[in-house]
N, C-alpha and C. Protein backbone atom coordinates (compact mmCIF):
# COMPACT_ATOMS: atom_id res chain seq x y z
N MET A 1 -76.13 -30.55 -53.75
CA MET A 1 -75.55 -30.48 -54.73
C MET A 1 -73.80 -30.25 -54.02
N PRO A 2 -72.81 -31.32 -54.77
CA PRO A 2 -72.04 -31.53 -53.94
C PRO A 2 -71.24 -30.91 -54.68
N ASP A 3 -69.77 -30.58 -54.08
CA ASP A 3 -69.06 -29.09 -53.83
C ASP A 3 -68.56 -29.39 -55.29
N GLU A 4 -68.34 -28.27 -56.36
CA GLU A 4 -67.81 -28.61 -58.30
C GLU A 4 -67.01 -27.57 -58.20
N THR A 5 -66.19 -27.07 -56.93
CA THR A 5 -65.32 -26.26 -57.03
C THR A 5 -63.53 -27.21 -58.00
N PRO A 6 -63.32 -26.93 -58.64
CA PRO A 6 -61.89 -27.47 -59.42
C PRO A 6 -60.82 -27.85 -58.24
N VAL A 7 -60.55 -28.98 -58.36
CA VAL A 7 -58.90 -29.07 -57.67
C VAL A 7 -57.98 -28.96 -58.76
N PRO A 8 -57.01 -28.11 -57.94
CA PRO A 8 -56.00 -27.87 -58.94
C PRO A 8 -54.80 -29.40 -59.01
N SER A 9 -54.34 -29.42 -60.29
CA SER A 9 -53.31 -30.83 -60.29
C SER A 9 -52.57 -30.38 -59.30
N TYR A 10 -51.83 -31.76 -59.17
CA TYR A 10 -50.33 -31.53 -58.89
C TYR A 10 -49.39 -30.95 -59.60
N VAL A 11 -49.38 -30.76 -61.03
CA VAL A 11 -48.37 -29.94 -61.97
C VAL A 11 -48.07 -28.69 -61.36
N SER A 12 -49.92 -28.21 -61.91
CA SER A 12 -50.51 -26.74 -61.35
C SER A 12 -49.25 -26.18 -59.77
N CYS A 13 -50.44 -27.33 -58.71
CA CYS A 13 -49.25 -27.06 -57.85
C CYS A 13 -48.32 -26.77 -57.42
N PHE A 14 -47.19 -27.33 -58.38
CA PHE A 14 -45.71 -27.79 -58.17
C PHE A 14 -45.56 -26.77 -59.32
N LYS A 15 -46.10 -26.63 -60.35
CA LYS A 15 -45.41 -24.54 -60.78
C LYS A 15 -46.10 -23.80 -60.15
N GLY A 16 -46.86 -23.28 -59.32
CA GLY A 16 -47.09 -22.55 -58.74
C GLY A 16 -46.49 -22.21 -57.47
N LEU A 17 -45.99 -23.09 -56.79
CA LEU A 17 -44.77 -23.32 -55.73
C LEU A 17 -43.35 -22.72 -56.27
N ILE A 18 -43.20 -23.13 -57.51
CA ILE A 18 -41.63 -22.79 -58.23
C ILE A 18 -41.98 -20.91 -57.92
N GLU A 19 -42.83 -20.99 -59.13
CA GLU A 19 -43.18 -19.66 -59.51
C GLU A 19 -43.06 -18.51 -58.45
N LYS A 20 -43.77 -18.72 -56.92
CA LYS A 20 -43.93 -18.27 -55.70
C LYS A 20 -42.23 -18.09 -55.15
N ILE A 21 -41.64 -18.78 -55.03
CA ILE A 21 -39.74 -19.23 -54.66
C ILE A 21 -39.32 -17.76 -55.41
N LEU A 22 -39.61 -17.60 -57.01
CA LEU A 22 -38.90 -17.33 -58.01
C LEU A 22 -39.03 -15.44 -57.89
N THR A 23 -40.74 -15.69 -57.63
CA THR A 23 -41.39 -14.13 -57.10
C THR A 23 -40.63 -13.36 -55.90
N ASN A 24 -40.47 -14.28 -54.56
CA ASN A 24 -40.46 -13.67 -53.48
C ASN A 24 -38.26 -13.78 -53.77
N ASN A 25 -38.10 -14.44 -54.17
CA ASN A 25 -36.67 -14.44 -54.95
C ASN A 25 -35.89 -14.78 -55.74
N PRO A 26 -35.97 -13.92 -56.60
CA PRO A 26 -34.96 -14.14 -58.04
C PRO A 26 -34.18 -14.86 -58.38
N TYR A 27 -33.19 -14.59 -57.57
CA TYR A 27 -31.83 -15.51 -57.22
C TYR A 27 -31.41 -16.64 -56.58
N ALA A 28 -32.82 -17.31 -56.45
CA ALA A 28 -32.96 -18.67 -56.02
C ALA A 28 -32.65 -19.38 -56.64
N LYS A 29 -31.66 -21.06 -56.59
CA LYS A 29 -31.43 -22.17 -57.06
C LYS A 29 -32.22 -22.55 -56.97
N ILE A 30 -33.08 -23.37 -57.74
CA ILE A 30 -33.84 -24.21 -56.98
C ILE A 30 -33.01 -25.76 -58.04
N TYR A 31 -33.51 -26.96 -57.41
CA TYR A 31 -33.13 -28.19 -57.80
C TYR A 31 -34.46 -28.90 -57.37
N VAL A 32 -34.62 -29.71 -58.73
CA VAL A 32 -36.25 -30.54 -58.96
C VAL A 32 -35.53 -31.71 -58.73
N GLY A 33 -36.48 -32.79 -57.76
CA GLY A 33 -36.12 -34.18 -58.00
C GLY A 33 -37.40 -34.61 -58.07
N CYS A 34 -36.95 -36.09 -59.02
CA CYS A 34 -38.02 -36.95 -59.33
C CYS A 34 -37.74 -38.16 -57.96
N MET A 35 -39.05 -38.66 -57.90
CA MET A 35 -39.29 -40.23 -56.76
C MET A 35 -37.93 -41.09 -57.33
N MET A 36 -37.30 -41.44 -55.99
CA MET A 36 -36.73 -42.52 -56.32
C MET A 36 -37.52 -44.14 -55.99
N LEU A 37 -36.73 -44.77 -56.94
CA LEU A 37 -37.46 -46.30 -56.21
C LEU A 37 -37.07 -47.02 -55.04
N SER A 38 -37.72 -47.46 -55.00
CA SER A 38 -38.27 -47.85 -53.62
C SER A 38 -36.98 -49.55 -53.46
N GLY A 39 -37.02 -49.87 -54.41
CA GLY A 39 -36.24 -51.60 -53.90
C GLY A 39 -37.25 -52.31 -54.02
N ASN A 40 -38.76 -52.02 -54.36
CA ASN A 40 -39.14 -53.10 -54.14
C ASN A 40 -39.25 -53.73 -56.09
N VAL A 41 -39.74 -54.53 -56.70
CA VAL A 41 -40.13 -54.95 -57.42
C VAL A 41 -40.78 -54.79 -58.08
N LEU A 42 -40.73 -53.94 -59.24
CA LEU A 42 -41.54 -53.07 -59.99
C LEU A 42 -42.41 -54.10 -61.03
N SER A 43 -43.88 -53.86 -61.56
CA SER A 43 -43.86 -54.36 -63.02
C SER A 43 -43.83 -53.24 -63.89
N GLU A 44 -43.82 -53.81 -65.18
CA GLU A 44 -43.08 -52.73 -66.23
C GLU A 44 -44.01 -51.70 -66.25
N SER A 45 -45.35 -51.79 -65.82
CA SER A 45 -46.17 -50.41 -65.78
C SER A 45 -45.72 -49.64 -64.87
N GLN A 46 -44.91 -50.34 -63.50
CA GLN A 46 -44.98 -49.42 -62.50
C GLN A 46 -43.33 -48.68 -62.58
N LYS A 47 -42.76 -49.55 -63.12
CA LYS A 47 -41.22 -48.78 -63.82
C LYS A 47 -41.65 -47.63 -64.78
N SER A 48 -42.90 -48.32 -65.90
CA SER A 48 -43.17 -46.97 -66.69
C SER A 48 -43.66 -45.59 -65.92
N ASP A 49 -44.10 -45.90 -64.56
CA ASP A 49 -44.94 -44.72 -64.33
C ASP A 49 -43.82 -44.06 -63.06
N TYR A 50 -42.70 -44.78 -62.80
CA TYR A 50 -41.43 -43.72 -62.14
C TYR A 50 -40.74 -42.89 -63.55
N LEU A 51 -40.55 -43.62 -64.87
CA LEU A 51 -40.03 -42.99 -65.56
C LEU A 51 -40.47 -41.87 -66.29
N LEU A 52 -41.80 -42.10 -66.20
CA LEU A 52 -42.97 -40.58 -66.52
C LEU A 52 -42.98 -39.44 -65.97
N ASN A 53 -42.93 -39.89 -64.26
CA ASN A 53 -42.31 -39.12 -63.33
C ASN A 53 -41.44 -38.73 -63.30
N ALA A 54 -40.38 -38.83 -63.66
CA ALA A 54 -38.68 -38.13 -63.79
C ALA A 54 -39.25 -37.72 -65.11
N GLU A 55 -39.43 -37.75 -66.22
CA GLU A 55 -40.16 -36.85 -67.16
C GLU A 55 -40.41 -35.89 -66.97
N LEU A 56 -41.27 -35.87 -66.21
CA LEU A 56 -42.40 -34.06 -65.82
C LEU A 56 -41.61 -33.51 -64.92
N HIS A 57 -40.67 -34.31 -64.64
CA HIS A 57 -40.31 -32.98 -63.30
C HIS A 57 -39.11 -32.48 -63.73
N LYS A 58 -38.46 -33.10 -65.15
CA LYS A 58 -37.58 -32.49 -65.56
C LYS A 58 -37.98 -31.66 -67.05
N GLN A 59 -39.17 -31.49 -66.97
CA GLN A 59 -40.10 -30.84 -67.76
C GLN A 59 -40.22 -29.67 -67.56
N ILE A 60 -40.64 -30.04 -65.72
CA ILE A 60 -40.98 -28.35 -64.85
C ILE A 60 -40.09 -27.97 -64.50
N ALA A 61 -38.73 -28.57 -64.40
CA ALA A 61 -37.29 -27.78 -64.01
C ALA A 61 -36.91 -26.78 -64.78
N ASN A 62 -36.91 -27.73 -66.54
CA ASN A 62 -36.54 -27.31 -67.63
C ASN A 62 -37.38 -25.46 -67.93
N ILE A 63 -38.96 -26.18 -67.68
CA ILE A 63 -39.73 -24.41 -67.91
C ILE A 63 -38.88 -23.58 -66.81
N TYR A 64 -38.68 -23.40 -65.96
CA TYR A 64 -38.26 -22.73 -64.91
C TYR A 64 -36.46 -22.32 -64.84
N GLY A 65 -35.69 -23.40 -65.43
CA GLY A 65 -34.67 -22.84 -65.66
C GLY A 65 -34.16 -23.20 -64.08
N CYS A 66 -35.00 -24.80 -63.70
CA CYS A 66 -33.74 -25.35 -62.86
C CYS A 66 -33.17 -25.95 -63.14
N GLU A 67 -32.43 -26.57 -61.90
CA GLU A 67 -31.82 -28.06 -61.53
C GLU A 67 -32.60 -29.18 -61.71
N PHE A 68 -32.37 -30.22 -61.99
CA PHE A 68 -33.01 -31.22 -62.60
C PHE A 68 -32.04 -32.26 -61.83
N VAL A 69 -32.69 -33.53 -60.74
CA VAL A 69 -31.97 -34.13 -60.32
C VAL A 69 -32.53 -35.32 -60.42
N ASN A 70 -32.08 -36.28 -61.25
CA ASN A 70 -32.44 -37.70 -61.40
C ASN A 70 -32.32 -38.80 -60.03
N MET A 71 -32.92 -39.01 -59.25
CA MET A 71 -33.41 -39.59 -58.04
C MET A 71 -32.95 -41.01 -58.82
N LEU A 72 -33.89 -41.92 -59.74
CA LEU A 72 -33.68 -42.94 -60.20
C LEU A 72 -31.75 -43.18 -60.44
N GLU A 73 -31.04 -42.17 -60.34
CA GLU A 73 -29.16 -43.06 -60.57
C GLU A 73 -28.72 -43.47 -59.42
N VAL A 74 -29.87 -42.79 -58.02
CA VAL A 74 -29.05 -43.24 -56.65
C VAL A 74 -28.20 -44.62 -56.49
N GLY A 75 -29.17 -45.29 -57.18
CA GLY A 75 -27.91 -46.52 -57.53
C GLY A 75 -29.28 -47.55 -56.19
N PHE A 76 -30.47 -47.54 -55.81
CA PHE A 76 -31.03 -47.82 -54.82
C PHE A 76 -31.89 -49.38 -56.04
N ASN A 77 -31.75 -50.44 -55.54
CA ASN A 77 -32.79 -51.22 -56.54
C ASN A 77 -32.81 -52.60 -55.59
N GLN A 78 -34.01 -53.76 -56.04
CA GLN A 78 -34.21 -54.69 -55.84
C GLN A 78 -33.34 -55.41 -54.61
N TYR A 79 -32.12 -55.24 -55.56
CA TYR A 79 -31.20 -56.24 -54.92
C TYR A 79 -30.54 -55.65 -53.78
N ASN A 80 -30.11 -54.30 -53.28
CA ASN A 80 -29.52 -54.01 -52.12
C ASN A 80 -30.54 -53.13 -51.34
N ALA A 81 -31.95 -53.13 -51.54
CA ALA A 81 -33.05 -52.02 -51.01
C ALA A 81 -32.73 -52.46 -49.20
N SER A 82 -32.77 -53.79 -49.31
CA SER A 82 -32.24 -54.30 -47.91
C SER A 82 -31.43 -53.47 -47.02
N TYR A 83 -30.33 -53.10 -47.47
CA TYR A 83 -29.21 -52.40 -46.79
C TYR A 83 -29.72 -50.91 -46.93
N HIS A 84 -29.95 -50.11 -48.20
CA HIS A 84 -30.66 -48.78 -47.80
C HIS A 84 -31.76 -48.24 -47.43
N HIS A 85 -32.84 -49.58 -47.37
CA HIS A 85 -34.11 -48.47 -46.85
C HIS A 85 -34.20 -49.77 -45.55
N THR A 86 -35.43 -49.06 -44.86
CA THR A 86 -36.22 -49.76 -43.59
C THR A 86 -36.70 -50.66 -43.92
N GLY A 87 -37.92 -51.55 -43.45
CA GLY A 87 -38.35 -52.66 -43.52
C GLY A 87 -39.67 -52.20 -44.64
N GLY A 88 -40.37 -51.39 -44.97
CA GLY A 88 -41.18 -50.98 -46.02
C GLY A 88 -40.70 -50.48 -47.46
N HIS A 89 -39.28 -50.77 -47.27
CA HIS A 89 -38.90 -50.25 -48.38
C HIS A 89 -39.49 -48.29 -48.78
N ILE A 90 -39.61 -47.68 -47.82
CA ILE A 90 -39.91 -46.32 -47.95
C ILE A 90 -38.77 -45.26 -47.43
N HIS A 91 -38.39 -45.72 -46.00
CA HIS A 91 -37.67 -44.70 -45.43
C HIS A 91 -36.42 -45.23 -45.67
N PRO A 92 -35.06 -44.84 -45.65
CA PRO A 92 -33.99 -44.78 -45.82
C PRO A 92 -33.27 -44.96 -44.83
N THR A 93 -32.37 -46.09 -44.59
CA THR A 93 -31.33 -46.09 -43.43
C THR A 93 -30.64 -45.21 -43.33
N ASN A 94 -29.61 -44.93 -42.06
CA ASN A 94 -28.75 -44.38 -42.09
C ASN A 94 -27.81 -44.11 -42.99
N GLU A 95 -27.31 -45.45 -43.59
CA GLU A 95 -26.62 -45.71 -44.33
C GLU A 95 -27.33 -45.63 -45.70
N GLY A 96 -28.48 -45.65 -46.24
CA GLY A 96 -29.06 -45.29 -47.06
C GLY A 96 -29.44 -43.88 -47.27
N GLY A 97 -29.50 -43.00 -46.12
CA GLY A 97 -29.21 -41.33 -45.96
C GLY A 97 -28.06 -41.18 -46.75
N ASP A 98 -26.83 -41.74 -46.03
CA ASP A 98 -25.57 -41.00 -46.60
C ASP A 98 -25.10 -41.03 -48.10
N ILE A 99 -26.10 -42.15 -48.32
CA ILE A 99 -25.64 -42.22 -50.12
C ILE A 99 -26.26 -41.41 -50.67
N MET A 100 -27.81 -41.10 -49.95
CA MET A 100 -28.60 -39.91 -51.07
C MET A 100 -27.95 -39.03 -50.78
N GLY A 101 -27.19 -38.69 -49.46
CA GLY A 101 -27.09 -37.06 -49.09
C GLY A 101 -25.44 -37.39 -50.14
N GLU A 102 -24.80 -37.39 -50.28
CA GLU A 102 -23.45 -37.59 -51.22
C GLU A 102 -23.77 -38.23 -52.29
N PHE A 103 -25.06 -38.29 -53.13
CA PHE A 103 -25.77 -38.16 -54.29
C PHE A 103 -25.47 -36.47 -54.79
N LEU A 104 -26.87 -36.65 -53.72
CA LEU A 104 -27.35 -35.00 -53.98
C LEU A 104 -25.75 -33.46 -54.13
N SER A 105 -25.69 -34.17 -52.83
CA SER A 105 -24.41 -33.07 -53.12
C SER A 105 -23.40 -32.85 -54.10
N ARG A 106 -22.86 -34.29 -55.05
CA ARG A 106 -22.50 -34.36 -56.10
C ARG A 106 -23.19 -33.50 -56.91
N LYS A 107 -24.29 -33.22 -57.12
CA LYS A 107 -25.14 -33.24 -58.27
C LYS A 107 -25.36 -31.10 -58.11
N MET A 108 -25.35 -30.99 -56.88
CA MET A 108 -25.41 -29.84 -56.52
C MET A 108 -23.91 -28.74 -56.27
N ARG A 109 -23.51 -29.21 -56.71
CA ARG A 109 -21.58 -28.79 -57.04
C ARG A 109 -21.97 -27.40 -57.95
C-alpha cells in the first residue's frame, strides 16, 4: 500500500515559515515577494498564473502584517530580458541583479 501521508501545500508551508519567524522574533520585519517575470514571451494563461501568484503572496503578507513587494514591477520584460537575464532567462546578469537590488532597496525604506 502506498504511503498516504498528506503532503502540506506550498501555502501552508509558507505560512508556517512566517509563523515560526514571528514566534521566534516577534519584532522581525518580513518582506514577502512574488515571482518575477523571466522575460520569456508568455501566453495569456501563463500571465494569469503570475498574477495569481502575486495575489496569493500579497494575501499571505496581509494575513501576517508583512510588507508585500510586487516583483512584477521590476520592469523586466520580453524586450529587455536579454540585457537583464542570462541565457535561460532565469538568473539575472550583473546589471539585472543591480536593478533588482535597487528596486528592493527602494521598497524596503
